[in-house]
Amino acid sequence: MELIISLIAGALGGNAAGAALKNLSLGTLGNSIAGLIGGVIGGQLLGMMGAGEVADAAGAAASSGLDFGAIIGQVLAGGVGGGVLMAIVGMVKGMMAK
């Protein structure tokens, strides 16, 4: 479930960053691909920082089985990761074009 959330949030983050940073935009497909990859990386970094363990403990304690805090954290990490990677790829592409 976390991977799907990271992929979707990353694609949205990449496209949002592309819309905000027109000079770094890679086009819709490029923004989406960079965002997908960045979203997964951001989600993995969140898990490596220990947030996944906290979410697992909170999820085990929750009676409904859904921990909205963990979901929101995953969405934020994926979106930020997607946007950051899209911006980095856009900068590198711009530097190579010169």
PDB file of N, CA and C in Angstrom:
ATOM      1  N   MET A   1       0.813  -1.192   0.000  1.00  0.00           N
ATOM      2  CA  MET A   1       0.000   0.000   0.000  1.00  0.00           C
ATOM      3  C   MET A   1       0.862   1.264   0.000  1.00  0.00           C
ATOM      4  N   GLU A   2       1.985   1.208   0.767  1.00  0.00           N
ATOM      5  CA  GLU A   2       2.852   2.376   0.840  1.00  0.00           C
ATOM      6  C   GLU A   2       3.473   2.695  -0.510  1.00  0.00           C
ATOM      7  N   LEU A   3       3.813   1.658  -1.276  1.00  0.00           N
ATOM      8  CA  LEU A   3       4.429   1.878  -2.578  1.00  0.00           C
ATOM      9  C   LEU A   3       3.460   2.576  -3.529  1.00  0.00           C
ATOM     10  N   ILE A   4       2.220   2.164  -3.519  1.00  0.00           N
ATOM     11  CA  ILE A   4       1.215   2.781  -4.389  1.00  0.00           C
ATOM     12  C   ILE A   4       1.013   4.240  -4.016  1.00  0.00           C
ATOM     13  N   ILE A   5       0.942   4.510  -2.718  1.00  0.00           N
ATOM     14  CA  ILE A   5       0.776   5.885  -2.254  1.00  0.00           C
ATOM     15  C   ILE A   5       1.978   6.732  -2.682  1.00  0.00           C
ATOM     16  N   SER A   6       3.183   6.173  -2.536  1.00  0.00           N
ATOM     17  CA  SER A   6       4.394   6.905  -2.924  1.00  0.00           C
ATOM     18  C   SER A   6       4.428   7.185  -4.415  1.00  0.00           C
ATOM     19  N   LEU A   7       4.015   6.207  -5.224  1.00  0.00           N
ATOM     20  CA  LEU A   7       4.016   6.392  -6.677  1.00  0.00           C
ATOM     21  C   LEU A   7       3.049   7.492  -7.098  1.00  0.00           C
ATOM     22  N   ILE A   8       1.837   7.430  -6.581  1.00  0.00           N
ATOM     23  CA  ILE A   8       0.823   8.425  -6.944  1.00  0.00           C
ATOM     24  C   ILE A   8       1.230   9.819  -6.456  1.00  0.00           C
ATOM     25  N   ALA A   9       1.657   9.891  -5.194  1.00  0.00           N
ATOM     26  CA  ALA A   9       2.058  11.192  -4.642  1.00  0.00           C
ATOM     27  C   ALA A   9       3.279  11.741  -5.373  1.00  0.00           C
ATOM     28  N   GLY A  10       4.213  10.869  -5.752  1.00  0.00           N
ATOM     29  CA  GLY A  10       5.395  11.316  -6.478  1.00  0.00           C
ATOM     30  C   GLY A  10       5.046  11.880  -7.844  1.00  0.00           C
ATOM     31  N   ALA A  11       4.142  11.190  -8.565  1.00  0.00           N
ATOM     32  CA  ALA A  11       3.725  11.688  -9.881  1.00  0.00           C
ATOM     33  C   ALA A  11       3.037  13.041  -9.748  1.00  0.00           C
ATOM     34  N   LEU A  12       2.184  13.172  -8.741  1.00  0.00           N
ATOM     35  CA  LEU A  12       1.516  14.456  -8.519  1.00  0.00           C
ATOM     36  C   LEU A  12       2.514  15.536  -8.116  1.00  0.00           C
ATOM     37  N   GLY A  13       3.474  15.182  -7.266  1.00  0.00           N
ATOM     38  CA  GLY A  13       4.491  16.143  -6.850  1.00  0.00           C
ATOM     39  C   GLY A  13       5.378  16.578  -7.999  1.00  0.00           C
ATOM     40  N   GLY A  14       5.748  15.626  -8.869  1.00  0.00           N
ATOM     41  CA  GLY A  14       6.562  15.967 -10.034  1.00  0.00           C
ATOM     42  C   GLY A  14       5.836  16.909 -10.980  1.00  0.00           C
ATOM     43  N   ASN A  15       4.553  16.648 -11.211  1.00  0.00           N
ATOM     44  CA  ASN A  15       3.777  17.516 -12.100  1.00  0.00           C
ATOM     45  C   ASN A  15       3.502  18.876 -11.465  1.00  0.00           C
ATOM     46  N   ALA A  16       3.298  18.908 -10.165  1.00  0.00           N
ATOM     47  CA  ALA A  16       3.090  20.184  -9.479  1.00  0.00           C
ATOM     48  C   ALA A  16       4.364  21.030  -9.537  1.00  0.00           C
ATOM     49  N   ALA A  17       5.513  20.380  -9.323  1.00  0.00           N
ATOM     50  CA  ALA A  17       6.779  21.108  -9.408  1.00  0.00           C
ATOM     51  C   ALA A  17       7.027  21.589 -10.833  1.00  0.00           C
ATOM     52  N   GLY A  18       6.664  20.768 -11.820  1.00  0.00           N
ATOM     53  CA  GLY A  18       6.813  21.174 -13.208  1.00  0.00           C
ATOM     54  C   GLY A  18       5.946  22.365 -13.564  1.00  0.00           C
ATOM     55  N   ALA A  19       4.744  22.415 -12.990  1.00  0.00           N
ATOM     56  CA  ALA A  19       3.853  23.545 -13.232  1.00  0.00           C
ATOM     57  C   ALA A  19       4.373  24.812 -12.539  1.00  0.00           C
ATOM     58  N   ALA A  20       4.963  24.644 -11.365  1.00  0.00           N
ATOM     59  CA  ALA A  20       5.459  25.800 -10.620  1.00  0.00           C
ATOM     60  C   ALA A  20       6.800  26.303 -11.178  1.00  0.00           C
ATOM     61  N   LEU A  21       7.610  25.385 -11.659  1.00  0.00           N
ATOM     62  CA  LEU A  21       8.944  25.731 -12.163  1.00  0.00           C
ATOM     63  C   LEU A  21       8.982  25.479 -13.665  1.00  0.00           C
ATOM     64  N   LYS A  22       8.370  26.364 -14.407  1.00  0.00           N
ATOM     65  CA  LYS A  22       8.220  26.186 -15.856  1.00  0.00           C
ATOM     66  C   LYS A  22       9.571  26.012 -16.569  1.00  0.00           C
ATOM     67  N   ASN A  23      10.598  26.685 -16.100  1.00  0.00           N
ATOM     68  CA  ASN A  23      11.902  26.591 -16.758  1.00  0.00           C
ATOM     69  C   ASN A  23      12.586  25.238 -16.526  1.00  0.00           C
ATOM     70  N   LEU A  24      12.127  24.466 -15.541  1.00  0.00           N
ATOM     71  CA  LEU A  24      12.701  23.154 -15.262  1.00  0.00           C
ATOM     72  C   LEU A  24      11.794  22.011 -15.702  1.00  0.00           C
ATOM     73  N   SER A  25      10.614  22.328 -16.181  1.00  0.00           N
ATOM     74  CA  SER A  25       9.632  21.314 -16.539  1.00  0.00           C
ATOM     75  C   SER A  25      10.162  20.385 -17.625  1.00  0.00           C
ATOM     76  N   LEU A  26       9.840  19.101 -17.503  1.00  0.00           N
ATOM     77  CA  LEU A  26      10.249  18.084 -18.465  1.00  0.00           C
ATOM     78  C   LEU A  26       9.093  17.656 -19.345  1.00  0.00           C
ATOM     79  N   GLY A  27       7.984  18.361 -19.269  1.00  0.00           N
ATOM     80  CA  GLY A  27       6.770  17.938 -19.955  1.00  0.00           C
ATOM     81  C   GLY A  27       5.977  17.006 -19.036  1.00  0.00           C
ATOM     82  N   THR A  28       4.741  16.774 -19.355  1.00  0.00           N
ATOM     83  CA  THR A  28       3.886  15.985 -18.461  1.00  0.00           C
ATOM     84  C   THR A  28       4.429  14.579 -18.235  1.00  0.00           C
ATOM     85  N   LEU A  29       4.838  13.909 -19.288  1.00  0.00           N
ATOM     86  CA  LEU A  29       5.347  12.544 -19.149  1.00  0.00           C
ATOM     87  C   LEU A  29       6.663  12.527 -18.377  1.00  0.00           C
ATOM     88  N   GLY A  30       7.575  13.427 -18.721  1.00  0.00           N
ATOM     89  CA  GLY A  30       8.860  13.497 -18.013  1.00  0.00           C
ATOM     90  C   GLY A  30       8.693  13.841 -16.544  1.00  0.00           C
ATOM     91  N   ASN A  31       7.811  14.791 -16.262  1.00  0.00           N
ATOM     92  CA  ASN A  31       7.540  15.160 -14.869  1.00  0.00           C
ATOM     93  C   ASN A  31       6.964  13.974 -14.105  1.00  0.00           C
ATOM     94  N   SER A  32       6.069  13.232 -14.761  1.00  0.00           N
ATOM     95  CA  SER A  32       5.439  12.085 -14.105  1.00  0.00           C
ATOM     96  C   SER A  32       6.453  10.983 -13.821  1.00  0.00           C
ATOM     97  N   ILE A  33       7.311  10.691 -14.795  1.00  0.00           N
ATOM     98  CA  ILE A  33       8.306   9.629 -14.600  1.00  0.00           C
ATOM     99  C   ILE A  33       9.302  10.013 -13.504  1.00  0.00           C
ATOM    100  N   ALA A  34       9.812  11.234 -13.557  1.00  0.00           N
ATOM    101  CA  ALA A  34      10.736  11.692 -12.511  1.00  0.00           C
ATOM    102  C   ALA A  34      10.029  11.706 -11.160  1.00  0.00           C
ATOM    103  N   GLY A  35       8.757  12.107 -11.153  1.00  0.00           N
ATOM    104  CA  GLY A  35       7.993  12.123  -9.913  1.00  0.00           C
ATOM    105  C   GLY A  35       7.761  10.735  -9.349  1.00  0.00           C
ATOM    106  N   LEU A  36       7.463   9.767 -10.219  1.00  0.00           N
ATOM    107  CA  LEU A  36       7.276   8.382  -9.760  1.00  0.00           C
ATOM    108  C   LEU A  36       8.531   7.869  -9.057  1.00  0.00           C
ATOM    109  N   ILE A  37       9.664   8.063  -9.708  1.00  0.00           N
ATOM    110  CA  ILE A  37      10.928   7.592  -9.134  1.00  0.00           C
ATOM    111  C   ILE A  37      11.245   8.346  -7.846  1.00  0.00           C
ATOM    112  N   GLY A  38      11.076   9.663  -7.874  1.00  0.00           N
ATOM    113  CA  GLY A  38      11.339  10.467  -6.672  1.00  0.00           C
ATOM    114  C   GLY A  38      10.388  10.137  -5.535  1.00  0.00           C
ATOM    115  N   GLY A  39       9.142   9.811  -5.862  1.00  0.00           N
ATOM    116  CA  GLY A  39       8.177   9.434  -4.830  1.00  0.00           C
ATOM    117  C   GLY A  39       8.575   8.159  -4.111  1.00  0.00           C
ATOM    118  N   VAL A  40       9.047   7.187  -4.867  1.00  0.00           N
ATOM    119  CA  VAL A  40       9.501   5.932  -4.256  1.00  0.00           C
ATOM    120  C   VAL A  40      10.728   6.188  -3.386  1.00  0.00           C
ATOM    121  N   ILE A  41      11.658   6.991  -3.903  1.00  0.00           N
ATOM    122  CA  ILE A  41      12.860   7.307  -3.117  1.00  0.00           C
ATOM    123  C   ILE A  41      12.470   8.049  -1.836  1.00  0.00           C
ATOM    124  N   GLY A  42      11.569   9.022  -1.951  1.00  0.00           N
ATOM    125  CA  GLY A  42      11.124   9.759  -0.762  1.00  0.00           C
ATOM    126  C   GLY A  42      10.439   8.862   0.249  1.00  0.00           C
ATOM    127  N   GLY A  43       9.607   7.949  -0.218  1.00  0.00           N
ATOM    128  CA  GLY A  43       8.943   7.009   0.686  1.00  0.00           C
ATOM    129  C   GLY A  43       9.926   6.080   1.375  1.00  0.00           C
ATOM    130  N   GLN A  44      10.951   5.630   0.624  1.00  0.00           N
ATOM    131  CA  GLN A  44      11.964   4.769   1.222  1.00  0.00           C
ATOM    132  C   GLN A  44      12.789   5.516   2.267  1.00  0.00           C
ATOM    133  N   LEU A  45      13.123   6.766   1.959  1.00  0.00           N
ATOM    134  CA  LEU A  45      13.876   7.564   2.932  1.00  0.00           C
ATOM    135  C   LEU A  45      13.073   7.784   4.207  1.00  0.00           C
ATOM    136  N   LEU A  46      11.772   7.984   4.059  1.00  0.00           N
ATOM    137  CA  LEU A  46      10.912   8.152   5.226  1.00  0.00           C
ATOM    138  C   LEU A  46      10.944   6.891   6.082  1.00  0.00           C
ATOM    139  N   GLY A  47      10.863   5.738   5.439  1.00  0.00           N
ATOM    140  CA  GLY A  47      10.912   4.471   6.165  1.00  0.00           C
ATOM    141  C   GLY A  47      12.255   4.241   6.833  1.00  0.00           C
ATOM    142  N   MET A  48      13.350   4.635   6.155  1.00  0.00           N
ATOM    143  CA  MET A  48      14.681   4.440   6.721  1.00  0.00           C
ATOM    144  C   MET A  48      14.935   5.365   7.904  1.00  0.00           C
ATOM    145  N   MET A  49      14.230   6.481   7.938  1.00  0.00           N
ATOM    146  CA  MET A  49      14.406   7.422   9.041  1.00  0.00           C
ATOM    147  C   MET A  49      13.628   6.990  10.276  1.00  0.00           C
ATOM    148  N   GLY A  50      12.913   5.888  10.182  1.00  0.00           N
ATOM    149  CA  GLY A  50      12.218   5.367  11.341  1.00  0.00           C
ATOM    150  C   GLY A  50      10.754   5.702  11.409  1.00  0.00           C
ATOM    151  N   ALA A  51      10.248   6.490  10.482  1.00  0.00           N
ATOM    152  CA  ALA A  51       8.834   6.843  10.514  1.00  0.00           C
ATOM    153  C   ALA A  51       7.967   5.632  10.224  1.00  0.00           C
ATOM    154  N   GLY A  52       8.480   4.671   9.465  1.00  0.00           N
ATOM    155  CA  GLY A  52       7.716   3.458   9.180  1.00  0.00           C
ATOM    156  C   GLY A  52       7.484   2.633  10.422  1.00  0.00           C
ATOM    157  N   GLU A  53       8.481   2.584  11.319  1.00  0.00           N
ATOM    158  CA  GLU A  53       8.332   1.829  12.557  1.00  0.00           C
ATOM    159  C   GLU A  53       7.288   2.452  13.465  1.00  0.00           C
ATOM    160  N   VAL A  54       7.276   3.774  13.520  1.00  0.00           N
ATOM    161  CA  VAL A  54       6.273   4.473  14.322  1.00  0.00           C
ATOM    162  C   VAL A  54       4.886   4.215  13.752  1.00  0.00           C
ATOM    163  N   ALA A  55       4.786   4.250  12.430  1.00  0.00           N
ATOM    164  CA  ALA A  55       3.502   4.011  11.781  1.00  0.00           C
ATOM    165  C   ALA A  55       3.036   2.578  12.010  1.00  0.00           C
ATOM    166  N   ASP A  56       3.962   1.611  11.990  1.00  0.00           N
ATOM    167  CA  ASP A  56       3.591   0.222  12.238  1.00  0.00           C
ATOM    168  C   ASP A  56       3.061   0.045  13.653  1.00  0.00           C
ATOM    169  N   ALA A  57       3.717   0.678  14.624  1.00  0.00           N
ATOM    170  CA  ALA A  57       3.261   0.572  16.006  1.00  0.00           C
ATOM    171  C   ALA A  57       1.909   1.242  16.189  1.00  0.00           C
ATOM    172  N   ALA A  58       1.736   2.391  15.571  1.00  0.00           N
ATOM    173  CA  ALA A  58       0.457   3.092  15.677  1.00  0.00           C
ATOM    174  C   ALA A  58      -0.627   2.331  14.939  1.00  0.00           C
ATOM    175  N   GLY A  59      -0.281   1.730  13.800  1.00  0.00           N
ATOM    176  CA  GLY A  59      -1.254   0.965  13.037  1.00  0.00           C
ATOM    177  C   GLY A  59      -1.697  -0.277  13.775  1.00  0.00           C
ATOM    178  N   ALA A  60      -0.791  -0.908  14.516  1.00  0.00           N
ATOM    179  CA  ALA A  60      -1.159  -2.087  15.285  1.00  0.00           C
ATOM    180  C   ALA A  60      -2.090  -1.718  16.430  1.00  0.00           C
ATOM    181  N   ALA A  61      -1.936  -0.513  16.949  1.00  0.00           N
ATOM    182  CA  ALA A  61      -2.782  -0.080  18.060  1.00  0.00           C
ATOM    183  C   ALA A  61      -4.142   0.417  17.581  1.00  0.00           C
ATOM    184  N   ALA A  62      -4.237   0.825  16.338  1.00  0.00           N
ATOM    185  CA  ALA A  62      -5.501   1.372  15.815  1.00  0.00           C
ATOM    186  C   ALA A  62      -6.502   0.248  15.590  1.00  0.00           C
ATOM    187  N   SER A  63      -7.717   0.476  15.971  1.00  0.00           N
ATOM    188  CA  SER A  63      -8.740  -0.566  15.837  1.00  0.00           C
ATOM    189  C   SER A  63      -9.227  -0.708  14.407  1.00  0.00           C
ATOM    190  N   SER A  64      -9.224   0.384  13.627  1.00  0.00           N
ATOM    191  CA  SER A  64      -9.723   0.318  12.259  1.00  0.00           C
ATOM    192  C   SER A  64      -8.669  -0.200  11.289  1.00  0.00           C
ATOM    193  N   GLY A  65      -7.412  -0.218  11.669  1.00  0.00           N
ATOM    194  CA  GLY A  65      -6.355  -0.688  10.798  1.00  0.00           C
ATOM    195  C   GLY A  65      -5.811   0.386   9.868  1.00  0.00           C
ATOM    196  N   LEU A  66      -6.438   1.562   9.815  1.00  0.00           N
ATOM    197  CA  LEU A  66      -5.953   2.654   8.979  1.00  0.00           C
ATOM    198  C   LEU A  66      -5.346   3.723   9.861  1.00  0.00           C
ATOM    199  N   ASP A  67      -4.111   4.040   9.603  1.00  0.00           N
ATOM    200  CA  ASP A  67      -3.446   5.095  10.349  1.00  0.00           C
ATOM    201  C   ASP A  67      -3.282   6.289   9.412  1.00  0.00           C
ATOM    202  N   PHE A  68      -4.145   7.262   9.569  1.00  0.00           N
ATOM    203  CA  PHE A  68      -4.147   8.412   8.661  1.00  0.00           C
ATOM    204  C   PHE A  68      -2.877   9.236   8.776  1.00  0.00           C
ATOM    205  N   GLY A  69      -2.254   9.255   9.925  1.00  0.00           N
ATOM    206  CA  GLY A  69      -0.998   9.975  10.078  1.00  0.00           C
ATOM    207  C   GLY A  69       0.091   9.378   9.208  1.00  0.00           C
ATOM    208  N   ALA A  70       0.154   8.054   9.160  1.00  0.00           N
ATOM    209  CA  ALA A  70       1.153   7.386   8.327  1.00  0.00           C
ATOM    210  C   ALA A  70       0.864   7.614   6.851  1.00  0.00           C
ATOM    211  N   ILE A  71      -0.395   7.594   6.485  1.00  0.00           N
ATOM    212  CA  ILE A  71      -0.774   7.826   5.089  1.00  0.00           C
ATOM    213  C   ILE A  71      -0.405   9.243   4.670  1.00  0.00           C
ATOM    214  N   ILE A  72      -0.701  10.210   5.518  1.00  0.00           N
ATOM    215  CA  ILE A  72      -0.367  11.605   5.210  1.00  0.00           C
ATOM    216  C   ILE A  72       1.149  11.781   5.109  1.00  0.00           C
ATOM    217  N   GLY A  73       1.886  11.141   6.008  1.00  0.00           N
ATOM    218  CA  GLY A  73       3.346  11.207   5.946  1.00  0.00           C
ATOM    219  C   GLY A  73       3.885  10.617   4.657  1.00  0.00           C
ATOM    220  N   GLN A  74       3.289   9.497   4.226  1.00  0.00           N
ATOM    221  CA  GLN A  74       3.717   8.858   2.986  1.00  0.00           C
ATOM    222  C   GLN A  74       3.406   9.741   1.776  1.00  0.00           C
ATOM    223  N   VAL A  75       2.229  10.385   1.799  1.00  0.00           N
ATOM    224  CA  VAL A  75       1.848  11.290   0.711  1.00  0.00           C
ATOM    225  C   VAL A  75       2.810  12.478   0.650  1.00  0.00           C
ATOM    226  N   LEU A  76       3.124  13.050   1.793  1.00  0.00           N
ATOM    227  CA  LEU A  76       4.050  14.190   1.825  1.00  0.00           C
ATOM    228  C   LEU A  76       5.444  13.792   1.359  1.00  0.00           C
ATOM    229  N   ALA A  77       5.940  12.659   1.848  1.00  0.00           N
ATOM    230  CA  ALA A  77       7.278  12.208   1.457  1.00  0.00           C
ATOM    231  C   ALA A  77       7.334  11.906  -0.034  1.00  0.00           C
ATOM    232  N   GLY A  78       6.318  11.245  -0.547  1.00  0.00           N
ATOM    233  CA  GLY A  78       6.282  10.942  -1.977  1.00  0.00           C
ATOM    234  C   GLY A  78       6.174  12.182  -2.830  1.00  0.00           C
ATOM    235  N   GLY A  79       5.319  13.109  -2.429  1.00  0.00           N
ATOM    236  CA  GLY A  79       5.139  14.344  -3.194  1.00  0.00           C
ATOM    237  C   GLY A  79       6.384  15.202  -3.201  1.00  0.00           C
ATOM    238  N   VAL A  80       7.006  15.354  -2.053  1.00  0.00           N
ATOM    239  CA  VAL A  80       8.229  16.157  -1.965  1.00  0.00           C
ATOM    240  C   VAL A  80       9.353  15.472  -2.734  1.00  0.00           C
ATOM    241  N   GLY A  81       9.478  14.155  -2.558  1.00  0.00           N
ATOM    242  CA  GLY A  81      10.517  13.420  -3.280  1.00  0.00           C
ATOM    243  C   GLY A  81      10.348  13.536  -4.786  1.00  0.00           C
ATOM    244  N   GLY A  82       9.104  13.433  -5.245  1.00  0.00           N
ATOM    245  CA  GLY A  82       8.834  13.561  -6.678  1.00  0.00           C
ATOM    246  C   GLY A  82       9.157  14.940  -7.200  1.00  0.00           C
ATOM    247  N   GLY A  83       8.780  15.954  -6.464  1.00  0.00           N
ATOM    248  CA  GLY A  83       9.063  17.325  -6.878  1.00  0.00           C
ATOM    249  C   GLY A  83      10.537  17.640  -6.879  1.00  0.00           C
ATOM    250  N   VAL A  84      11.247  17.170  -5.873  1.00  0.00           N
ATOM    251  CA  VAL A  84      12.682  17.447  -5.777  1.00  0.00           C
ATOM    252  C   VAL A  84      13.442  16.751  -6.899  1.00  0.00           C
ATOM    253  N   LEU A  85      13.120  15.473  -7.142  1.00  0.00           N
ATOM    254  CA  LEU A  85      13.834  14.770  -8.202  1.00  0.00           C
ATOM    255  C   LEU A  85      13.531  15.372  -9.574  1.00  0.00           C
ATOM    256  N   MET A  86      12.290  15.773  -9.804  1.00  0.00           N
ATOM    257  CA  MET A  86      11.949  16.415 -11.072  1.00  0.00           C
ATOM    258  C   MET A  86      12.747  17.697 -11.256  1.00  0.00           C
ATOM    259  N   ALA A  87      12.893  18.486 -10.201  1.00  0.00           N
ATOM    260  CA  ALA A  87      13.657  19.730 -10.276  1.00  0.00           C
ATOM    261  C   ALA A  87      15.137  19.453 -10.536  1.00  0.00           C
ATOM    262  N   ILE A  88      15.683  18.430  -9.896  1.00  0.00           N
ATOM    263  CA  ILE A  88      17.087  18.089 -10.109  1.00  0.00           C
ATOM    264  C   ILE A  88      17.317  17.635 -11.548  1.00  0.00           C
ATOM    265  N   VAL A  89      16.439  16.766 -12.045  1.00  0.00           N
ATOM    266  CA  VAL A  89      16.579  16.296 -13.426  1.00  0.00           C
ATOM    267  C   VAL A  89      16.422  17.464 -14.397  1.00  0.00           C
ATOM    268  N   GLY A  90      15.484  18.367 -14.113  1.00  0.00           N
ATOM    269  CA  GLY A  90      15.302  19.545 -14.962  1.00  0.00           C
ATOM    270  C   GLY A  90      16.532  20.430 -14.991  1.00  0.00           C
ATOM    271  N   MET A  91      17.176  20.617 -13.836  1.00  0.00           N
ATOM    272  CA  MET A  91      18.407  21.413 -13.786  1.00  0.00           C
ATOM    273  C   MET A  91      19.529  20.761 -14.566  1.00  0.00           C
ATOM    274  N   VAL A  92      19.679  19.456 -14.394  1.00  0.00           N
ATOM    275  CA  VAL A  92      20.742  18.745 -15.114  1.00  0.00           C
ATOM    276  C   VAL A  92      20.494  18.813 -16.612  1.00  0.00           C
ATOM    277  N   LYS A  93      19.250  18.624 -17.024  1.00  0.00           N
ATOM    278  CA  LYS A  93      18.914  18.709 -18.445  1.00  0.00           C
ATOM    279  C   LYS A  93      19.228  20.105 -18.995  1.00  0.00           C
ATOM    280  N   GLY A  94      18.881  21.139 -18.234  1.00  0.00           N
ATOM    281  CA  GLY A  94      19.168  22.498 -18.656  1.00  0.00           C
ATOM    282  C   GLY A  94      20.657  22.778 -18.758  1.00  0.00           C
ATOM    283  N   MET A  95      21.448  22.225 -17.830  1.00  0.00           N
ATOM    284  CA  MET A  95      22.896  22.430 -17.864  1.00  0.00           C
ATOM    285  C   MET A  95      23.533  21.699 -19.039  1.00  0.00           C
ATOM    286  N   MET A  96      22.990  20.548 -19.398  1.00  0.00           N
ATOM    287  CA  MET A  96      23.546  19.787 -20.510  1.00  0.00           C
ATOM    288  C   MET A  96      23.194  20.417 -21.860  1.00  0.00           C
ATOM    289  N   ALA A  97      22.110  21.171 -21.890  1.00  0.00           N
ATOM    290  CA  ALA A  97      21.686  21.796 -23.146  1.00  0.00           C
ATOM    291  C   ALA A  97      22.570  22.996 -23.496  1.00  0.00           C
ATOM    292  N   LYS A  98      23.293  23.521 -22.545  1.00  0.00           N
ATOM    293  CA  LYS A  98      24.133  24.707 -22.794  1.00  0.00           C
ATOM    294  C   LYS A  98      25.429  24.336 -23.464  1.00  0.00           C
TER     295      LYS A  98
END
